[in-house]
PDB file of N, CA and C in Angstrom:
ATOM      1  N   MET A   1      -6.593  -2.808   8.068  1.00  0.00           N
ATOM      2  CA  MET A   1      -6.549  -1.385   7.841  1.00  0.00           C
ATOM      3  C   MET A   1      -6.934  -1.136   6.388  1.00  0.00           C
ATOM      4  N   LYS A   2      -7.817  -0.206   6.175  1.00  0.00           N
ATOM      5  CA  LYS A   2      -8.247   0.152   4.822  1.00  0.00           C
ATOM      6  C   LYS A   2      -7.292   1.208   4.264  1.00  0.00           C
ATOM      7  N   VAL A   3      -6.774   0.964   3.064  1.00  0.00           N
ATOM      8  CA  VAL A   3      -5.795   1.861   2.445  1.00  0.00           C
ATOM      9  C   VAL A   3      -6.281   2.238   1.055  1.00  0.00           C
ATOM     10  N   SER A   4      -6.307   3.520   0.764  1.00  0.00           N
ATOM     11  CA  SER A   4      -6.724   4.023  -0.543  1.00  0.00           C
ATOM     12  C   SER A   4      -5.549   3.950  -1.526  1.00  0.00           C
ATOM     13  N   TYR A   5      -5.792   3.321  -2.659  1.00  0.00           N
ATOM     14  CA  TYR A   5      -4.777   3.235  -3.717  1.00  0.00           C
ATOM     15  C   TYR A   5      -4.409   4.636  -4.215  1.00  0.00           C
ATOM     16  N   ASN A   6      -5.405   5.515  -4.381  1.00  0.00           N
ATOM     17  CA  ASN A   6      -5.132   6.873  -4.863  1.00  0.00           C
ATOM     18  C   ASN A   6      -4.267   7.652  -3.876  1.00  0.00           C
ATOM     19  N   TRP A   7      -4.504   7.471  -2.585  1.00  0.00           N
ATOM     20  CA  TRP A   7      -3.664   8.141  -1.594  1.00  0.00           C
ATOM     21  C   TRP A   7      -2.239   7.602  -1.639  1.00  0.00           C
ATOM     22  N   LEU A   8      -2.091   6.300  -1.803  1.00  0.00           N
ATOM     23  CA  LEU A   8      -0.741   5.742  -1.922  1.00  0.00           C
ATOM     24  C   LEU A   8      -0.007   6.379  -3.091  1.00  0.00           C
ATOM     25  N   GLN A   9      -0.709   6.543  -4.212  1.00  0.00           N
ATOM     26  CA  GLN A   9      -0.093   7.131  -5.393  1.00  0.00           C
ATOM     27  C   GLN A   9       0.377   8.553  -5.133  1.00  0.00           C
ATOM     28  N   GLU A  10      -0.346   9.295  -4.293  1.00  0.00           N
ATOM     29  CA  GLU A  10       0.056  10.663  -3.966  1.00  0.00           C
ATOM     30  C   GLU A  10       1.379  10.713  -3.202  1.00  0.00           C
ATOM     31  N   TYR A  11       1.707   9.682  -2.463  1.00  0.00           N
ATOM     32  CA  TYR A  11       2.926   9.647  -1.647  1.00  0.00           C
ATOM     33  C   TYR A  11       4.139   9.107  -2.389  1.00  0.00           C
ATOM     34  N   ILE A  12       3.932   8.415  -3.504  1.00  0.00           N
ATOM     35  CA  ILE A  12       5.027   7.722  -4.178  1.00  0.00           C
ATOM     36  C   ILE A  12       5.375   8.410  -5.490  1.00  0.00           C
ATOM     37  N   SER A  13       6.672   8.619  -5.714  1.00  0.00           N
ATOM     38  CA  SER A  13       7.146   9.159  -6.982  1.00  0.00           C
ATOM     39  C   SER A  13       7.004   8.079  -8.047  1.00  0.00           C
ATOM     40  N   GLY A  14       6.608   8.467  -9.223  1.00  0.00           N
ATOM     41  CA  GLY A  14       6.426   7.480 -10.284  1.00  0.00           C
ATOM     42  C   GLY A  14       5.060   6.833 -10.196  1.00  0.00           C
ATOM     43  N   LYS A  15       4.828   5.880 -11.049  1.00  0.00           N
ATOM     44  CA  LYS A  15       3.531   5.222 -11.155  1.00  0.00           C
ATOM     45  C   LYS A  15       3.525   3.930 -10.363  1.00  0.00           C
ATOM     46  N   LEU A  16       2.486   3.754  -9.550  1.00  0.00           N
ATOM     47  CA  LEU A  16       2.288   2.484  -8.837  1.00  0.00           C
ATOM     48  C   LEU A  16       1.805   1.420  -9.814  1.00  0.00           C
ATOM     49  N   PRO A  17       2.137   0.165  -9.550  1.00  0.00           N
ATOM     50  CA  PRO A  17       1.526  -0.921 -10.338  1.00  0.00           C
ATOM     51  C   PRO A  17       0.014  -0.928 -10.096  1.00  0.00           C
ATOM     52  N   LYS A  18      -0.709  -1.675 -10.905  1.00  0.00           N
ATOM     53  CA  LYS A  18      -2.156  -1.795 -10.737  1.00  0.00           C
ATOM     54  C   LYS A  18      -2.478  -2.254  -9.320  1.00  0.00           C
ATOM     55  N   PRO A  19      -3.673  -1.918  -8.828  1.00  0.00           N
ATOM     56  CA  PRO A  19      -4.032  -2.256  -7.438  1.00  0.00           C
ATOM     57  C   PRO A  19      -3.869  -3.737  -7.104  1.00  0.00           C
ATOM     58  N   GLU A  20      -4.259  -4.610  -8.005  1.00  0.00           N
ATOM     59  CA  GLU A  20      -4.134  -6.042  -7.745  1.00  0.00           C
ATOM     60  C   GLU A  20      -2.665  -6.453  -7.629  1.00  0.00           C
ATOM     61  N   ARG A  21      -1.826  -5.833  -8.433  1.00  0.00           N
ATOM     62  CA  ARG A  21      -0.392  -6.154  -8.411  1.00  0.00           C
ATOM     63  C   ARG A  21       0.268  -5.630  -7.128  1.00  0.00           C
ATOM     64  N   ILE A  22      -0.083  -4.408  -6.720  1.00  0.00           N
ATOM     65  CA  ILE A  22       0.504  -3.882  -5.490  1.00  0.00           C
ATOM     66  C   ILE A  22       0.038  -4.704  -4.295  1.00  0.00           C
ATOM     67  N   ALA A  23      -1.207  -5.182  -4.336  1.00  0.00           N
ATOM     68  CA  ALA A  23      -1.704  -6.063  -3.270  1.00  0.00           C
ATOM     69  C   ALA A  23      -0.898  -7.358  -3.236  1.00  0.00           C
ATOM     70  N   GLU A  24      -0.617  -7.911  -4.394  1.00  0.00           N
ATOM     71  CA  GLU A  24       0.185  -9.140  -4.479  1.00  0.00           C
ATOM     72  C   GLU A  24       1.597  -8.905  -3.951  1.00  0.00           C
ATOM     73  N   LEU A  25       2.207  -7.794  -4.346  1.00  0.00           N
ATOM     74  CA  LEU A  25       3.567  -7.493  -3.895  1.00  0.00           C
ATOM     75  C   LEU A  25       3.625  -7.281  -2.382  1.00  0.00           C
ATOM     76  N   LEU A  26       2.669  -6.542  -1.839  1.00  0.00           N
ATOM     77  CA  LEU A  26       2.643  -6.341  -0.386  1.00  0.00           C
ATOM     78  C   LEU A  26       2.456  -7.663   0.337  1.00  0.00           C
ATOM     79  N   THR A  27       1.594  -8.527  -0.192  1.00  0.00           N
ATOM     80  CA  THR A  27       1.353  -9.824   0.435  1.00  0.00           C
ATOM     81  C   THR A  27       2.608 -10.696   0.404  1.00  0.00           C
ATOM     82  N   MET A  28       3.331 -10.675  -0.682  1.00  0.00           N
ATOM     83  CA  MET A  28       4.518 -11.518  -0.811  1.00  0.00           C
ATOM     84  C   MET A  28       5.709 -10.996  -0.005  1.00  0.00           C
ATOM     85  N   HIS A  29       5.733  -9.694   0.310  1.00  0.00           N
ATOM     86  CA  HIS A  29       6.898  -9.128   0.986  1.00  0.00           C
ATOM     87  C   HIS A  29       6.694  -8.751   2.445  1.00  0.00           C
ATOM     88  N   SER A  30       5.488  -8.307   2.821  1.00  0.00           N
ATOM     89  CA  SER A  30       5.388  -7.798   4.182  1.00  0.00           C
ATOM     90  C   SER A  30       4.037  -7.964   4.856  1.00  0.00           C
ATOM     91  N   PHE A  31       2.944  -7.737   4.162  1.00  0.00           N
ATOM     92  CA  PHE A  31       1.621  -7.750   4.784  1.00  0.00           C
ATOM     93  C   PHE A  31       0.680  -8.633   3.991  1.00  0.00           C
ATOM     94  N   GLU A  32      -0.340  -9.133   4.676  1.00  0.00           N
ATOM     95  CA  GLU A  32      -1.393  -9.852   3.978  1.00  0.00           C
ATOM     96  C   GLU A  32      -2.454  -8.835   3.561  1.00  0.00           C
ATOM     97  N   VAL A  33      -2.693  -8.748   2.253  1.00  0.00           N
ATOM     98  CA  VAL A  33      -3.772  -7.906   1.755  1.00  0.00           C
ATOM     99  C   VAL A  33      -4.969  -8.822   1.578  1.00  0.00           C
ATOM    100  N   GLU A  34      -5.986  -8.605   2.407  1.00  0.00           N
ATOM    101  CA  GLU A  34      -7.131  -9.513   2.445  1.00  0.00           C
ATOM    102  C   GLU A  34      -8.093  -9.296   1.291  1.00  0.00           C
ATOM    103  N   SER A  35      -8.185  -8.060   0.773  1.00  0.00           N
ATOM    104  CA  SER A  35      -9.077  -7.811  -0.357  1.00  0.00           C
ATOM    105  C   SER A  35      -8.715  -6.503  -1.035  1.00  0.00           C
ATOM    106  N   VAL A  36      -9.160  -6.382  -2.288  1.00  0.00           N
ATOM    107  CA  VAL A  36      -9.058  -5.147  -3.055  1.00  0.00           C
ATOM    108  C   VAL A  36     -10.457  -4.877  -3.584  1.00  0.00           C
ATOM    109  N   GLU A  37     -10.999  -3.719  -3.225  1.00  0.00           N
ATOM    110  CA  GLU A  37     -12.378  -3.396  -3.582  1.00  0.00           C
ATOM    111  C   GLU A  37     -12.418  -2.076  -4.338  1.00  0.00           C
ATOM    112  N   LYS A  38     -13.102  -2.053  -5.477  1.00  0.00           N
ATOM    113  CA  LYS A  38     -13.258  -0.816  -6.245  1.00  0.00           C
ATOM    114  C   LYS A  38     -14.428  -0.029  -5.677  1.00  0.00           C
ATOM    115  N   ILE A  39     -14.145   1.228  -5.318  1.00  0.00           N
ATOM    116  CA  ILE A  39     -15.183   2.131  -4.824  1.00  0.00           C
ATOM    117  C   ILE A  39     -15.048   3.437  -5.598  1.00  0.00           C
ATOM    118  N   GLY A  40     -16.019   3.709  -6.450  1.00  0.00           N
ATOM    119  CA  GLY A  40     -15.953   4.905  -7.289  1.00  0.00           C
ATOM    120  C   GLY A  40     -14.769   4.807  -8.234  1.00  0.00           C
ATOM    121  N   ASN A  41     -13.902   5.820  -8.197  1.00  0.00           N
ATOM    122  CA  ASN A  41     -12.709   5.801  -9.057  1.00  0.00           C
ATOM    123  C   ASN A  41     -11.450   5.432  -8.275  1.00  0.00           C
ATOM    124  N   ASP A  42     -11.633   4.785  -7.137  1.00  0.00           N
ATOM    125  CA  ASP A  42     -10.521   4.397  -6.271  1.00  0.00           C
ATOM    126  C   ASP A  42     -10.609   2.901  -5.965  1.00  0.00           C
ATOM    127  N   PHE A  43      -9.515   2.365  -5.490  1.00  0.00           N
ATOM    128  CA  PHE A  43      -9.474   0.987  -5.013  1.00  0.00           C
ATOM    129  C   PHE A  43      -9.077   1.031  -3.543  1.00  0.00           C
ATOM    130  N   ILE A  44      -9.729   0.238  -2.722  1.00  0.00           N
ATOM    131  CA  ILE A  44      -9.433   0.167  -1.296  1.00  0.00           C
ATOM    132  C   ILE A  44      -8.808  -1.185  -0.997  1.00  0.00           C
ATOM    133  N   LEU A  45      -7.602  -1.157  -0.458  1.00  0.00           N
ATOM    134  CA  LEU A  45      -6.902  -2.374  -0.076  1.00  0.00           C
ATOM    135  C   LEU A  45      -7.129  -2.607   1.414  1.00  0.00           C
ATOM    136  N   ASP A  46      -7.530  -3.800   1.771  1.00  0.00           N
ATOM    137  CA  ASP A  46      -7.702  -4.162   3.178  1.00  0.00           C
ATOM    138  C   ASP A  46      -6.431  -4.888   3.604  1.00  0.00           C
ATOM    139  N   VAL A  47      -5.557  -4.151   4.294  1.00  0.00           N
ATOM    140  CA  VAL A  47      -4.230  -4.641   4.654  1.00  0.00           C
ATOM    141  C   VAL A  47      -4.231  -5.095   6.111  1.00  0.00           C
ATOM    142  N   LYS A  48      -3.760  -6.289   6.342  1.00  0.00           N
ATOM    143  CA  LYS A  48      -3.640  -6.814   7.701  1.00  0.00           C
ATOM    144  C   LYS A  48      -2.216  -6.520   8.189  1.00  0.00           C
ATOM    145  N   VAL A  49      -2.107  -5.533   9.075  1.00  0.00           N
ATOM    146  CA  VAL A  49      -0.809  -5.129   9.605  1.00  0.00           C
ATOM    147  C   VAL A  49      -0.560  -5.922  10.885  1.00  0.00           C
ATOM    148  N   LEU A  50       0.562  -6.593  10.941  1.00  0.00           N
ATOM    149  CA  LEU A  50       0.922  -7.389  12.115  1.00  0.00           C
ATOM    150  C   LEU A  50       1.285  -6.473  13.290  1.00  0.00           C
ATOM    151  N   PRO A  51       1.079  -6.931  14.510  1.00  0.00           N
ATOM    152  CA  PRO A  51       1.354  -6.098  15.688  1.00  0.00           C
ATOM    153  C   PRO A  51       2.787  -5.564  15.749  1.00  0.00           C
ATOM    154  N   ASN A  52       3.747  -6.335  15.292  1.00  0.00           N
ATOM    155  CA  ASN A  52       5.135  -5.874  15.355  1.00  0.00           C
ATOM    156  C   ASN A  52       5.452  -4.790  14.321  1.00  0.00           C
ATOM    157  N   ARG A  53       4.523  -4.510  13.390  1.00  0.00           N
ATOM    158  CA  ARG A  53       4.722  -3.455  12.391  1.00  0.00           C
ATOM    159  C   ARG A  53       3.772  -2.279  12.608  1.00  0.00           C
ATOM    160  N   ALA A  54       2.994  -2.320  13.688  1.00  0.00           N
ATOM    161  CA  ALA A  54       2.004  -1.264  13.937  1.00  0.00           C
ATOM    162  C   ALA A  54       2.660   0.111  14.089  1.00  0.00           C
ATOM    163  N   HIS A  55       3.805   0.177  14.707  1.00  0.00           N
ATOM    164  CA  HIS A  55       4.454   1.461  14.980  1.00  0.00           C
ATOM    165  C   HIS A  55       4.875   2.198  13.720  1.00  0.00           C
ATOM    166  N   ASP A  56       5.133   1.502  12.628  1.00  0.00           N
ATOM    167  CA  ASP A  56       5.575   2.182  11.413  1.00  0.00           C
ATOM    168  C   ASP A  56       4.635   2.023  10.223  1.00  0.00           C
ATOM    169  N   CYS A  57       3.615   1.203  10.323  1.00  0.00           N
ATOM    170  CA  CYS A  57       2.795   0.937   9.140  1.00  0.00           C
ATOM    171  C   CYS A  57       1.291   1.124   9.327  1.00  0.00           C
ATOM    172  N   LEU A  58       0.838   1.628  10.448  1.00  0.00           N
ATOM    173  CA  LEU A  58      -0.596   1.864  10.615  1.00  0.00           C
ATOM    174  C   LEU A  58      -0.982   3.261  10.132  1.00  0.00           C
ATOM    175  N   SER A  59      -0.546   3.589   8.917  1.00  0.00           N
ATOM    176  CA  SER A  59      -0.907   4.851   8.280  1.00  0.00           C
ATOM    177  C   SER A  59      -0.667   4.711   6.776  1.00  0.00           C
ATOM    178  N   HIS A  60      -1.256   5.613   6.011  1.00  0.00           N
ATOM    179  CA  HIS A  60      -1.036   5.565   4.566  1.00  0.00           C
ATOM    180  C   HIS A  60       0.440   5.788   4.225  1.00  0.00           C
ATOM    181  N   ILE A  61       1.093   6.710   4.925  1.00  0.00           N
ATOM    182  CA  ILE A  61       2.509   6.968   4.643  1.00  0.00           C
ATOM    183  C   ILE A  61       3.366   5.751   4.981  1.00  0.00           C
ATOM    184  N   GLY A  62       3.027   5.031   6.027  1.00  0.00           N
ATOM    185  CA  GLY A  62       3.777   3.821   6.376  1.00  0.00           C
ATOM    186  C   GLY A  62       3.646   2.742   5.318  1.00  0.00           C
ATOM    187  N   ILE A  63       2.429   2.524   4.836  1.00  0.00           N
ATOM    188  CA  ILE A  63       2.214   1.543   3.766  1.00  0.00           C
ATOM    189  C   ILE A  63       2.880   2.033   2.483  1.00  0.00           C
ATOM    190  N   ALA A  64       2.821   3.347   2.228  1.00  0.00           N
ATOM    191  CA  ALA A  64       3.467   3.903   1.033  1.00  0.00           C
ATOM    192  C   ALA A  64       4.976   3.701   1.080  1.00  0.00           C
ATOM    193  N   ARG A  65       5.580   3.872   2.241  1.00  0.00           N
ATOM    194  CA  ARG A  65       7.032   3.639   2.374  1.00  0.00           C
ATOM    195  C   ARG A  65       7.377   2.188   2.064  1.00  0.00           C
ATOM    196  N   GLU A  66       6.562   1.292   2.583  1.00  0.00           N
ATOM    197  CA  GLU A  66       6.793  -0.135   2.336  1.00  0.00           C
ATOM    198  C   GLU A  66       6.625  -0.462   0.854  1.00  0.00           C
ATOM    199  N   ALA A  67       5.568   0.069   0.241  1.00  0.00           N
ATOM    200  CA  ALA A  67       5.324  -0.168  -1.188  1.00  0.00           C
ATOM    201  C   ALA A  67       6.450   0.414  -2.040  1.00  0.00           C
ATOM    202  N   ALA A  68       6.915   1.611  -1.683  1.00  0.00           N
ATOM    203  CA  ALA A  68       8.009   2.238  -2.430  1.00  0.00           C
ATOM    204  C   ALA A  68       9.276   1.395  -2.362  1.00  0.00           C
ATOM    205  N   ALA A  69       9.565   0.850  -1.207  1.00  0.00           N
ATOM    206  CA  ALA A  69      10.740  -0.015  -1.071  1.00  0.00           C
ATOM    207  C   ALA A  69      10.605  -1.270  -1.927  1.00  0.00           C
ATOM    208  N   ILE A  70       9.410  -1.825  -1.969  1.00  0.00           N
ATOM    209  CA  ILE A  70       9.187  -3.061  -2.740  1.00  0.00           C
ATOM    210  C   ILE A  70       9.323  -2.811  -4.240  1.00  0.00           C
ATOM    211  N   ILE A  71       8.772  -1.684  -4.724  1.00  0.00           N
ATOM    212  CA  ILE A  71       8.818  -1.422  -6.171  1.00  0.00           C
ATOM    213  C   ILE A  71      10.044  -0.593  -6.568  1.00  0.00           C
ATOM    214  N   GLU A  72      10.937  -0.384  -5.607  1.00  0.00           N
ATOM    215  CA  GLU A  72      12.175   0.359  -5.824  1.00  0.00           C
ATOM    216  C   GLU A  72      11.904   1.764  -6.347  1.00  0.00           C
ATOM    217  N   SER A  73      11.052   2.470  -5.624  1.00  0.00           N
ATOM    218  CA  SER A  73      10.697   3.848  -5.945  1.00  0.00           C
ATOM    219  C   SER A  73      11.037   4.699  -4.732  1.00  0.00           C
ATOM    220  N   ARG A  74      10.584   5.953  -4.750  1.00  0.00           N
ATOM    221  CA  ARG A  74      10.870   6.872  -3.645  1.00  0.00           C
ATOM    222  C   ARG A  74       9.583   7.496  -3.144  1.00  0.00           C
ATOM    223  N   ILE A  75       9.615   7.949  -1.910  1.00  0.00           N
ATOM    224  CA  ILE A  75       8.525   8.712  -1.314  1.00  0.00           C
ATOM    225  C   ILE A  75       8.700  10.176  -1.707  1.00  0.00           C
ATOM    226  N   LYS A  76       7.586  10.835  -2.039  1.00  0.00           N
ATOM    227  CA  LYS A  76       7.652  12.275  -2.339  1.00  0.00           C
ATOM    228  C   LYS A  76       7.916  13.037  -1.057  1.00  0.00           C
ATOM    229  N   ASN A  77       8.667  14.109  -1.164  1.00  0.00           N
ATOM    230  CA  ASN A  77       8.947  14.972  -0.004  1.00  0.00           C
ATOM    231  C   ASN A  77       7.887  16.015   0.149  1.00  0.00           C
TER     232      ASN A  77
END
């Protein structure tokens, strides 16, 4: 699944770590991030979501919730 770093930032309160760092954190805690690619002024993370996590993580908000939990932040309301 392709995930925009800028979109993730819109969902999370506070500042996200750099794209490479968030990819590393997601890989170590929940998902395999296969690549991080710079496109224009954004970074696209290619996240491999396992079938057992499809129901809650096949969306930007789902990945943002997971990232927020890992970096001990909150989701914007």
